[in-house]
Amino acid sequence: MRLIWRLTRLLTVGLILGIGLYFGSPYLLTAVGRYLVTEYPLARADLVLVLSGQTLLRVPEGARIYHEGYAPKILLTREPLPRGTEDLLRLGIRFPDSQETALTILEALRVPRSAILTLQERTNSTRAEMQAVAGFLKAQPVRTMIIVTSKSHTTRAHKIFSRGLGPGIRLIMRPVPSDPFDPSRWWHDQQDAKDVLHEYQALLDFWRRRLWDAMVGWFAASSSAVVVGLDHGGFLPGSQVEEASRILAGEFSAALTGGNGKIGKGTGAKYCGGTAARVRRL
């Protein structure tokens, strides 16, 4: 009798959950899609950054923002060459890459060449783009920047650029209005569904990196406290406290990854032993 009662409860709970998912799934799926879209009202900025990819969608929006007077300059990043390009070049066949295509579009849309800035470094990810842009901005008096990209890419791009560039640069995310991505119906379109899966996979990698950085930072702070304690005990000269902290933090990362970015069995003991020897030599 008790078993029948338990099965009845399980079936009831399963039925309720099934009904809830059936009627609530459109709202949940819409929330999943909308999370990927980040947009701020346009405002005056020092620069418009058009990220690589979907050139025919993104570049015209950058030109429109320029002509409406929101920014005096447009910055173009540069993506890797498609596979097979080098083979064609060896045969004497050349065609413009995405940045050259972007320049052609901007000039056709009457954006003066003097208002277009380009990065020559080829980047194969949003994080690499951020690093290239960060290096470029070191010599530029930019305080506000508009970032133009596809709708489903705006949230991840905002997270990566805001974390990489820091609070000193205000970012205005601008998803391309003509982008056909629909966050309220993405599961009905094959390309939209691929974009959503790709973005969440990339977001997981972003969150993984943040967690790793937090762990290393926590250990660095803890190791600094330990080394300072040793210093107060007279074991280390004061000038070597910072160096010992750096060694401990670096070896903590190596201990978990085996020195090659992969977590391996037994690596912790090997690297921690090396750490102890290096600290003793200070």
C-alpha atoms as a PDB file:
ATOM      1  CA  MET A   1       0.000   0.000   0.000  1.00  0.00           C
ATOM      2  CA  ARG A   2       2.823   2.355   0.910  1.00  0.00           C
ATOM      3  CA  LEU A   3       4.567   1.589  -2.389  1.00  0.00           C
ATOM      4  CA  ILE A   4       1.393   2.400  -4.337  1.00  0.00           C
ATOM      5  CA  TRP A   5       1.084   5.697  -2.436  1.00  0.00           C
ATOM      6  CA  ARG A   6       4.670   6.635  -3.257  1.00  0.00           C
ATOM      7  CA  LEU A   7       4.226   5.789  -6.930  1.00  0.00           C
ATOM      8  CA  THR A   8       1.034   7.845  -7.014  1.00  0.00           C
ATOM      9  CA  ARG A   9       2.848  10.841  -5.526  1.00  0.00           C
ATOM     10  CA  LEU A  10       5.711  10.486  -8.005  1.00  0.00           C
ATOM     11  CA  LEU A  11       3.306  10.270 -10.919  1.00  0.00           C
ATOM     12  CA  THR A  12       1.402  13.312  -9.649  1.00  0.00           C
ATOM     13  CA  VAL A  13       4.591  15.362  -9.265  1.00  0.00           C
ATOM     14  CA  GLY A  14       5.779  14.240 -12.707  1.00  0.00           C
ATOM     15  CA  LEU A  15       2.444  15.177 -14.244  1.00  0.00           C
ATOM     16  CA  ILE A  16       2.509  18.632 -12.628  1.00  0.00           C
ATOM     17  CA  LEU A  17       6.088  19.219 -13.780  1.00  0.00           C
ATOM     18  CA  GLY A  18       5.234  18.045 -17.282  1.00  0.00           C
ATOM     19  CA  ILE A  19       2.250  20.389 -17.509  1.00  0.00           C
ATOM     20  CA  GLY A  20       4.364  23.265 -16.141  1.00  0.00           C
ATOM     21  CA  LEU A  21       7.131  22.658 -18.669  1.00  0.00           C
ATOM     22  CA  TYR A  22       4.634  22.320 -21.528  1.00  0.00           C
ATOM     23  CA  PHE A  23       2.957  25.642 -20.803  1.00  0.00           C
ATOM     24  CA  GLY A  24       6.004  27.415 -19.358  1.00  0.00           C
ATOM     25  CA  SER A  25       8.652  26.350 -21.857  1.00  0.00           C
ATOM     26  CA  PRO A  26       8.025  29.245 -24.280  1.00  0.00           C
ATOM     27  CA  TYR A  27       8.661  31.724 -21.461  1.00  0.00           C
ATOM     28  CA  LEU A  28      11.761  29.879 -20.286  1.00  0.00           C
ATOM     29  CA  LEU A  29      13.160  29.563 -23.802  1.00  0.00           C
ATOM     30  CA  THR A  30      12.429  33.232 -24.474  1.00  0.00           C
ATOM     31  CA  ALA A  31      14.300  34.168 -21.293  1.00  0.00           C
ATOM     32  CA  VAL A  32      17.242  32.059 -22.484  1.00  0.00           C
ATOM     33  CA  GLY A  33      17.316  33.949 -25.782  1.00  0.00           C
ATOM     34  CA  ARG A  34      16.799  37.405 -24.302  1.00  0.00           C
ATOM     35  CA  TYR A  35      19.659  36.956 -21.847  1.00  0.00           C
ATOM     36  CA  LEU A  36      22.054  36.894 -24.792  1.00  0.00           C
ATOM     37  CA  VAL A  37      20.984  40.361 -26.006  1.00  0.00           C
ATOM     38  CA  THR A  38      22.422  43.418 -24.236  1.00  0.00           C
ATOM     39  CA  GLU A  39      21.580  46.871 -25.562  1.00  0.00           C
ATOM     40  CA  TYR A  40      22.092  50.399 -24.256  1.00  0.00           C
ATOM     41  CA  PRO A  41      20.711  53.651 -25.672  1.00  0.00           C
ATOM     42  CA  LEU A  42      23.084  55.295 -28.118  1.00  0.00           C
ATOM     43  CA  ALA A  43      25.039  58.253 -26.802  1.00  0.00           C
ATOM     44  CA  ARG A  44      28.019  60.336 -27.822  1.00  0.00           C
ATOM     45  CA  ALA A  45      31.215  58.295 -27.841  1.00  0.00           C
ATOM     46  CA  ASP A  46      34.855  58.608 -28.841  1.00  0.00           C
ATOM     47  CA  LEU A  47      34.874  55.501 -31.030  1.00  0.00           C
ATOM     48  CA  VAL A  48      32.678  52.901 -32.738  1.00  0.00           C
ATOM     49  CA  LEU A  49      34.134  49.400 -32.586  1.00  0.00           C
ATOM     50  CA  VAL A  50      32.757  46.994 -35.198  1.00  0.00           C
ATOM     51  CA  LEU A  51      33.627  43.440 -34.204  1.00  0.00           C
ATOM     52  CA  SER A  52      34.646  40.888 -36.824  1.00  0.00           C
ATOM     53  CA  GLY A  53      32.115  38.478 -38.238  1.00  0.00           C
ATOM     54  CA  GLN A  54      28.885  38.937 -40.196  1.00  0.00           C
ATOM     55  CA  THR A  55      30.481  41.861 -42.019  1.00  0.00           C
ATOM     56  CA  LEU A  56      27.486  42.581 -44.236  1.00  0.00           C
ATOM     57  CA  LEU A  57      25.289  43.098 -41.141  1.00  0.00           C
ATOM     58  CA  ARG A  58      27.612  44.842 -38.711  1.00  0.00           C
ATOM     59  CA  VAL A  59      29.567  47.272 -40.879  1.00  0.00           C
ATOM     60  CA  PRO A  60      26.563  49.203 -42.292  1.00  0.00           C
ATOM     61  CA  GLU A  61      25.330  49.756 -38.723  1.00  0.00           C
ATOM     62  CA  GLY A  62      28.740  51.172 -37.797  1.00  0.00           C
ATOM     63  CA  ALA A  63      28.494  53.562 -40.769  1.00  0.00           C
ATOM     64  CA  ARG A  64      24.995  54.645 -39.738  1.00  0.00           C
ATOM     65  CA  ILE A  65      26.150  55.404 -36.190  1.00  0.00           C
ATOM     66  CA  TYR A  66      29.038  57.434 -37.611  1.00  0.00           C
ATOM     67  CA  HIS A  67      26.785  59.459 -39.925  1.00  0.00           C
ATOM     68  CA  GLU A  68      24.345  60.177 -37.103  1.00  0.00           C
ATOM     69  CA  GLY A  69      27.188  61.880 -35.259  1.00  0.00           C
ATOM     70  CA  TYR A  70      27.554  59.549 -32.298  1.00  0.00           C
ATOM     71  CA  ALA A  71      31.297  58.986 -32.824  1.00  0.00           C
ATOM     72  CA  PRO A  72      34.026  60.491 -35.040  1.00  0.00           C
ATOM     73  CA  LYS A  73      35.935  57.251 -35.702  1.00  0.00           C
ATOM     74  CA  ILE A  74      35.240  53.630 -36.622  1.00  0.00           C
ATOM     75  CA  LEU A  75      37.600  50.845 -35.537  1.00  0.00           C
ATOM     76  CA  LEU A  76      37.686  47.537 -37.426  1.00  0.00           C
ATOM     77  CA  THR A  77      39.167  44.339 -36.038  1.00  0.00           C
ATOM     78  CA  ARG A  78      40.575  41.586 -38.254  1.00  0.00           C
ATOM     79  CA  GLU A  79      39.622  37.917 -38.258  1.00  0.00           C
ATOM     80  CA  PRO A  80      41.712  34.968 -39.479  1.00  0.00           C
ATOM     81  CA  LEU A  81      41.747  34.042 -43.138  1.00  0.00           C
ATOM     82  CA  PRO A  82      39.295  31.289 -44.136  1.00  0.00           C
ATOM     83  CA  ARG A  83      40.708  27.815 -44.630  1.00  0.00           C
ATOM     84  CA  GLY A  84      42.057  27.297 -48.114  1.00  0.00           C
ATOM     85  CA  THR A  85      42.988  30.947 -48.650  1.00  0.00           C
ATOM     86  CA  GLU A  86      46.730  30.282 -48.620  1.00  0.00           C
ATOM     87  CA  ASP A  87      46.349  27.497 -51.185  1.00  0.00           C
ATOM     88  CA  LEU A  88      44.521  29.885 -53.509  1.00  0.00           C
ATOM     89  CA  LEU A  89      47.146  32.582 -52.965  1.00  0.00           C
ATOM     90  CA  ARG A  90      49.840  30.135 -54.063  1.00  0.00           C
ATOM     91  CA  LEU A  91      47.860  29.682 -57.267  1.00  0.00           C
ATOM     92  CA  GLY A  92      47.784  33.432 -57.781  1.00  0.00           C
ATOM     93  CA  ILE A  93      44.121  33.747 -56.825  1.00  0.00           C
ATOM     94  CA  ARG A  94      43.418  36.560 -54.391  1.00  0.00           C
ATOM     95  CA  PHE A  95      40.193  37.880 -52.970  1.00  0.00           C
ATOM     96  CA  PRO A  96      39.577  40.489 -50.241  1.00  0.00           C
ATOM     97  CA  ASP A  97      39.406  39.372 -46.618  1.00  0.00           C
ATOM     98  CA  SER A  98      36.620  40.514 -44.292  1.00  0.00           C
ATOM     99  CA  GLN A  99      38.423  43.687 -43.216  1.00  0.00           C
ATOM    100  CA  GLU A 100      39.030  44.740 -46.826  1.00  0.00           C
ATOM    101  CA  THR A 101      35.356  44.038 -47.533  1.00  0.00           C
ATOM    102  CA  ALA A 102      34.416  46.183 -44.544  1.00  0.00           C
ATOM    103  CA  LEU A 103      36.573  49.034 -45.856  1.00  0.00           C
ATOM    104  CA  THR A 104      34.890  48.786 -49.252  1.00  0.00           C
ATOM    105  CA  ILE A 105      31.443  48.925 -47.637  1.00  0.00           C
ATOM    106  CA  LEU A 106      32.337  51.909 -45.453  1.00  0.00           C
ATOM    107  CA  GLU A 107      33.800  53.852 -48.353  1.00  0.00           C
ATOM    108  CA  ALA A 108      30.710  53.055 -50.460  1.00  0.00           C
ATOM    109  CA  LEU A 109      28.606  54.394 -47.594  1.00  0.00           C
ATOM    110  CA  ARG A 110      30.625  57.641 -47.719  1.00  0.00           C
ATOM    111  CA  VAL A 111      32.631  57.180 -44.553  1.00  0.00           C
ATOM    112  CA  PRO A 112      35.938  59.009 -45.171  1.00  0.00           C
ATOM    113  CA  ARG A 113      39.046  56.855 -44.994  1.00  0.00           C
ATOM    114  CA  SER A 114      40.496  59.234 -42.415  1.00  0.00           C
ATOM    115  CA  ALA A 115      37.664  58.252 -40.034  1.00  0.00           C
ATOM    116  CA  ILE A 116      38.402  54.511 -40.284  1.00  0.00           C
ATOM    117  CA  LEU A 117      40.928  52.826 -38.008  1.00  0.00           C
ATOM    118  CA  THR A 118      42.059  49.222 -38.501  1.00  0.00           C
ATOM    119  CA  LEU A 119      43.816  46.603 -36.398  1.00  0.00           C
ATOM    120  CA  GLN A 120      46.301  44.499 -38.337  1.00  0.00           C
ATOM    121  CA  GLU A 121      46.511  41.649 -35.828  1.00  0.00           C
ATOM    122  CA  ARG A 122      44.261  38.744 -36.764  1.00  0.00           C
ATOM    123  CA  THR A 123      42.159  37.506 -33.853  1.00  0.00           C
ATOM    124  CA  ASN A 124      40.220  34.252 -33.658  1.00  0.00           C
ATOM    125  CA  SER A 125      37.979  34.919 -30.640  1.00  0.00           C
ATOM    126  CA  THR A 126      36.149  37.705 -28.834  1.00  0.00           C
ATOM    127  CA  ARG A 127      38.672  37.519 -26.015  1.00  0.00           C
ATOM    128  CA  ALA A 128      41.547  37.909 -28.487  1.00  0.00           C
ATOM    129  CA  GLU A 129      39.728  40.860 -30.061  1.00  0.00           C
ATOM    130  CA  MET A 130      39.418  42.470 -26.636  1.00  0.00           C
ATOM    131  CA  GLN A 131      43.139  42.036 -25.994  1.00  0.00           C
ATOM    132  CA  ALA A 132      44.025  43.562 -29.372  1.00  0.00           C
ATOM    133  CA  VAL A 133      41.654  46.478 -28.794  1.00  0.00           C
ATOM    134  CA  ALA A 134      43.007  46.996 -25.264  1.00  0.00           C
ATOM    135  CA  GLY A 135      46.523  47.304 -26.667  1.00  0.00           C
ATOM    136  CA  PHE A 136      45.329  49.791 -29.276  1.00  0.00           C
ATOM    137  CA  LEU A 137      43.446  51.922 -26.740  1.00  0.00           C
ATOM    138  CA  LYS A 138      46.519  52.414 -24.556  1.00  0.00           C
ATOM    139  CA  ALA A 139      47.632  55.172 -26.919  1.00  0.00           C
ATOM    140  CA  GLN A 140      44.121  56.553 -27.539  1.00  0.00           C
ATOM    141  CA  PRO A 141      42.137  59.051 -25.419  1.00  0.00           C
ATOM    142  CA  VAL A 142      38.981  56.904 -25.455  1.00  0.00           C
ATOM    143  CA  ARG A 143      36.557  57.127 -22.534  1.00  0.00           C
ATOM    144  CA  THR A 144      33.336  55.943 -24.200  1.00  0.00           C
ATOM    145  CA  MET A 145      33.082  53.314 -26.914  1.00  0.00           C
ATOM    146  CA  ILE A 146      30.146  51.916 -28.872  1.00  0.00           C
ATOM    147  CA  ILE A 147      30.479  48.209 -29.714  1.00  0.00           C
ATOM    148  CA  VAL A 148      28.554  46.974 -32.742  1.00  0.00           C
ATOM    149  CA  THR A 149      27.945  43.244 -33.020  1.00  0.00           C
ATOM    150  CA  SER A 150      25.232  40.671 -33.657  1.00  0.00           C
ATOM    151  CA  LYS A 151      22.299  40.460 -31.247  1.00  0.00           C
ATOM    152  CA  SER A 152      23.104  37.081 -29.712  1.00  0.00           C
ATOM    153  CA  HIS A 153      26.749  38.101 -29.253  1.00  0.00           C
ATOM    154  CA  THR A 154      26.187  41.337 -27.301  1.00  0.00           C
ATOM    155  CA  THR A 155      25.983  39.917 -23.759  1.00  0.00           C
ATOM    156  CA  ARG A 156      29.152  37.854 -24.039  1.00  0.00           C
ATOM    157  CA  ALA A 157      31.019  40.661 -25.807  1.00  0.00           C
ATOM    158  CA  HIS A 158      29.981  43.094 -23.076  1.00  0.00           C
ATOM    159  CA  LYS A 159      31.194  40.747 -20.327  1.00  0.00           C
ATOM    160  CA  ILE A 160      34.552  40.126 -22.003  1.00  0.00           C
ATOM    161  CA  PHE A 161      35.253  43.745 -22.923  1.00  0.00           C
ATOM    162  CA  SER A 162      34.063  45.250 -19.640  1.00  0.00           C
ATOM    163  CA  ARG A 163      36.214  42.825 -17.684  1.00  0.00           C
ATOM    164  CA  GLY A 164      39.236  43.253 -19.944  1.00  0.00           C
ATOM    165  CA  LEU A 165      39.137  47.038 -20.405  1.00  0.00           C
ATOM    166  CA  GLY A 166      38.106  47.866 -16.847  1.00  0.00           C
ATOM    167  CA  PRO A 167      35.858  50.616 -15.496  1.00  0.00           C
ATOM    168  CA  GLY A 168      37.845  53.421 -17.131  1.00  0.00           C
ATOM    169  CA  ILE A 169      36.055  52.954 -20.471  1.00  0.00           C
ATOM    170  CA  ARG A 170      32.291  53.175 -20.735  1.00  0.00           C
ATOM    171  CA  LEU A 171      30.859  50.598 -23.137  1.00  0.00           C
ATOM    172  CA  ILE A 172      27.641  51.066 -25.126  1.00  0.00           C
ATOM    173  CA  MET A 173      26.470  47.795 -26.635  1.00  0.00           C
ATOM    174  CA  ARG A 174      24.716  48.146 -29.976  1.00  0.00           C
ATOM    175  CA  PRO A 175      23.146  45.011 -31.476  1.00  0.00           C
ATOM    176  CA  VAL A 176      22.549  45.297 -35.215  1.00  0.00           C
ATOM    177  CA  PRO A 177      18.820  46.128 -35.695  1.00  0.00           C
ATOM    178  CA  SER A 178      18.674  44.240 -39.008  1.00  0.00           C
ATOM    179  CA  ASP A 179      20.038  41.045 -37.447  1.00  0.00           C
ATOM    180  CA  PRO A 180      17.311  38.407 -37.995  1.00  0.00           C
ATOM    181  CA  PHE A 181      17.984  36.694 -34.640  1.00  0.00           C
ATOM    182  CA  ASP A 182      14.708  36.532 -32.683  1.00  0.00           C
ATOM    183  CA  PRO A 183      15.159  35.811 -28.949  1.00  0.00           C
ATOM    184  CA  SER A 184      11.455  35.011 -28.563  1.00  0.00           C
ATOM    185  CA  ARG A 185      11.422  32.327 -31.278  1.00  0.00           C
ATOM    186  CA  TRP A 186      15.033  31.201 -31.627  1.00  0.00           C
ATOM    187  CA  TRP A 187      14.186  27.496 -31.172  1.00  0.00           C
ATOM    188  CA  HIS A 188      12.109  27.617 -34.376  1.00  0.00           C
ATOM    189  CA  ASP A 189      15.093  28.654 -36.523  1.00  0.00           C
ATOM    190  CA  GLN A 190      18.066  26.359 -37.105  1.00  0.00           C
ATOM    191  CA  GLN A 191      20.662  29.147 -37.377  1.00  0.00           C
ATOM    192  CA  ASP A 192      19.313  30.958 -34.312  1.00  0.00           C
ATOM    193  CA  ALA A 193      19.426  27.703 -32.332  1.00  0.00           C
ATOM    194  CA  LYS A 194      23.058  27.171 -33.368  1.00  0.00           C
ATOM    195  CA  ASP A 195      23.884  30.730 -32.288  1.00  0.00           C
ATOM    196  CA  VAL A 196      22.275  30.224 -28.866  1.00  0.00           C
ATOM    197  CA  LEU A 197      24.119  26.955 -28.251  1.00  0.00           C
ATOM    198  CA  HIS A 198      27.417  28.513 -29.356  1.00  0.00           C
ATOM    199  CA  GLU A 199      26.960  31.557 -27.132  1.00  0.00           C
ATOM    200  CA  TYR A 200      26.140  29.559 -24.008  1.00  0.00           C
ATOM    201  CA  GLN A 201      29.087  27.274 -24.629  1.00  0.00           C
ATOM    202  CA  ALA A 202      31.332  30.346 -24.904  1.00  0.00           C
ATOM    203  CA  LEU A 203      29.733  31.896 -21.802  1.00  0.00           C
ATOM    204  CA  LEU A 204      30.522  28.738 -19.840  1.00  0.00           C
ATOM    205  CA  ASP A 205      34.148  29.135 -20.876  1.00  0.00           C
ATOM    206  CA  PHE A 206      34.052  32.788 -19.759  1.00  0.00           C
ATOM    207  CA  TRP A 207      32.630  31.844 -16.355  1.00  0.00           C
ATOM    208  CA  ARG A 208      35.190  29.040 -16.042  1.00  0.00           C
ATOM    209  CA  ARG A 209      38.005  31.533 -16.617  1.00  0.00           C
ATOM    210  CA  ARG A 210      36.534  33.915 -14.048  1.00  0.00           C
ATOM    211  CA  LEU A 211      36.291  31.142 -11.471  1.00  0.00           C
ATOM    212  CA  TRP A 212      39.877  30.108 -12.154  1.00  0.00           C
ATOM    213  CA  ASP A 213      41.117  33.702 -11.831  1.00  0.00           C
ATOM    214  CA  ALA A 214      39.220  34.045  -8.558  1.00  0.00           C
ATOM    215  CA  MET A 215      40.789  30.843  -7.199  1.00  0.00           C
ATOM    216  CA  VAL A 216      44.299  31.927  -8.196  1.00  0.00           C
ATOM    217  CA  GLY A 217      43.675  35.387  -6.720  1.00  0.00           C
ATOM    218  CA  TRP A 218      42.412  33.899  -3.490  1.00  0.00           C
ATOM    219  CA  PHE A 219      45.431  31.632  -3.217  1.00  0.00           C
ATOM    220  CA  ALA A 220      47.785  34.514  -4.016  1.00  0.00           C
ATOM    221  CA  ALA A 221      46.257  36.545  -1.191  1.00  0.00           C
ATOM    222  CA  SER A 222      46.446  33.571   1.172  1.00  0.00           C
ATOM    223  CA  SER A 223      50.034  32.797   0.230  1.00  0.00           C
ATOM    224  CA  SER A 224      50.963  36.453   0.784  1.00  0.00           C
ATOM    225  CA  ALA A 225      49.561  36.226   4.289  1.00  0.00           C
ATOM    226  CA  VAL A 226      51.555  33.048   4.934  1.00  0.00           C
ATOM    227  CA  VAL A 227      54.773  34.559   3.618  1.00  0.00           C
ATOM    228  CA  VAL A 228      54.265  37.732   5.629  1.00  0.00           C
ATOM    229  CA  GLY A 229      53.790  35.532   8.670  1.00  0.00           C
ATOM    230  CA  LEU A 230      57.069  33.787   7.906  1.00  0.00           C
ATOM    231  CA  ASP A 231      58.697  37.164   7.452  1.00  0.00           C
ATOM    232  CA  HIS A 232      57.482  38.316  10.850  1.00  0.00           C
ATOM    233  CA  GLY A 233      58.927  35.131  12.269  1.00  0.00           C
ATOM    234  CA  GLY A 234      62.330  36.018  10.867  1.00  0.00           C
ATOM    235  CA  PHE A 235      62.510  33.275   8.208  1.00  0.00           C
ATOM    236  CA  LEU A 236      62.575  35.543   5.139  1.00  0.00           C
ATOM    237  CA  PRO A 237      64.247  38.876   4.440  1.00  0.00           C
ATOM    238  CA  GLY A 238      61.666  41.596   3.869  1.00  0.00           C
ATOM    239  CA  SER A 239      62.842  42.212   0.306  1.00  0.00           C
ATOM    240  CA  GLN A 240      61.941  38.635  -0.677  1.00  0.00           C
ATOM    241  CA  VAL A 241      58.372  38.475   0.630  1.00  0.00           C
ATOM    242  CA  GLU A 242      56.841  39.592  -2.660  1.00  0.00           C
ATOM    243  CA  GLU A 243      58.945  37.139  -4.668  1.00  0.00           C
ATOM    244  CA  ALA A 244      57.957  34.241  -2.417  1.00  0.00           C
ATOM    245  CA  SER A 245      54.275  35.171  -2.786  1.00  0.00           C
ATOM    246  CA  ARG A 246      54.623  35.174  -6.560  1.00  0.00           C
ATOM    247  CA  ILE A 247      56.253  31.744  -6.502  1.00  0.00           C
ATOM    248  CA  LEU A 248      53.516  30.276  -4.321  1.00  0.00           C
ATOM    249  CA  ALA A 249      50.712  31.655  -6.501  1.00  0.00           C
ATOM    250  CA  GLY A 250      52.368  30.522  -9.722  1.00  0.00           C
ATOM    251  CA  GLU A 251      53.141  27.065  -8.399  1.00  0.00           C
ATOM    252  CA  PHE A 252      49.558  26.668  -7.171  1.00  0.00           C
ATOM    253  CA  SER A 253      48.381  27.070 -10.771  1.00  0.00           C
ATOM    254  CA  ALA A 254      51.035  24.667 -12.028  1.00  0.00           C
ATOM    255  CA  ALA A 255      50.210  22.140  -9.310  1.00  0.00           C
ATOM    256  CA  LEU A 256      46.619  21.886 -10.494  1.00  0.00           C
ATOM    257  CA  THR A 257      47.394  21.836 -14.217  1.00  0.00           C
ATOM    258  CA  GLY A 258      50.660  19.958 -14.298  1.00  0.00           C
ATOM    259  CA  GLY A 259      52.305  22.946 -15.920  1.00  0.00           C
ATOM    260  CA  ASN A 260      50.593  22.281 -19.248  1.00  0.00           C
ATOM    261  CA  GLY A 261      47.055  23.568 -18.672  1.00  0.00           C
ATOM    262  CA  LYS A 262      45.667  20.094 -17.872  1.00  0.00           C
ATOM    263  CA  ILE A 263      44.882  18.784 -14.425  1.00  0.00           C
ATOM    264  CA  GLY A 264      46.841  15.568 -13.934  1.00  0.00           C
ATOM    265  CA  LYS A 265      47.216  12.966 -11.223  1.00  0.00           C
ATOM    266  CA  GLY A 266      50.197  13.434  -8.936  1.00  0.00           C
ATOM    267  CA  THR A 267      51.177  16.829 -10.285  1.00  0.00           C
ATOM    268  CA  GLY A 268      50.344  18.649  -7.065  1.00  0.00           C
ATOM    269  CA  ALA A 269      52.990  16.885  -4.992  1.00  0.00           C
ATOM    270  CA  LYS A 270      55.677  17.365  -7.644  1.00  0.00           C
ATOM    271  CA  TYR A 271      55.075  21.091  -8.048  1.00  0.00           C
ATOM    272  CA  CYS A 272      54.481  21.827  -4.379  1.00  0.00           C
ATOM    273  CA  GLY A 273      57.763  20.061  -3.580  1.00  0.00           C
ATOM    274  CA  GLY A 274      59.500  22.289  -6.102  1.00  0.00           C
ATOM    275  CA  THR A 275      57.840  25.305  -4.546  1.00  0.00           C
ATOM    276  CA  ALA A 276      59.147  24.483  -1.094  1.00  0.00           C
ATOM    277  CA  ALA A 277      62.666  24.106  -2.469  1.00  0.00           C
ATOM    278  CA  ARG A 278      62.474  27.427  -4.324  1.00  0.00           C
ATOM    279  CA  VAL A 279      61.159  29.298  -1.293  1.00  0.00           C
ATOM    280  CA  ARG A 280      63.891  27.815   0.881  1.00  0.00           C
ATOM    281  CA  ARG A 281      66.492  29.128  -1.571  1.00  0.00           C
ATOM    282  CA  LEU A 282      65.246  32.732  -1.202  1.00  0.00           C
END
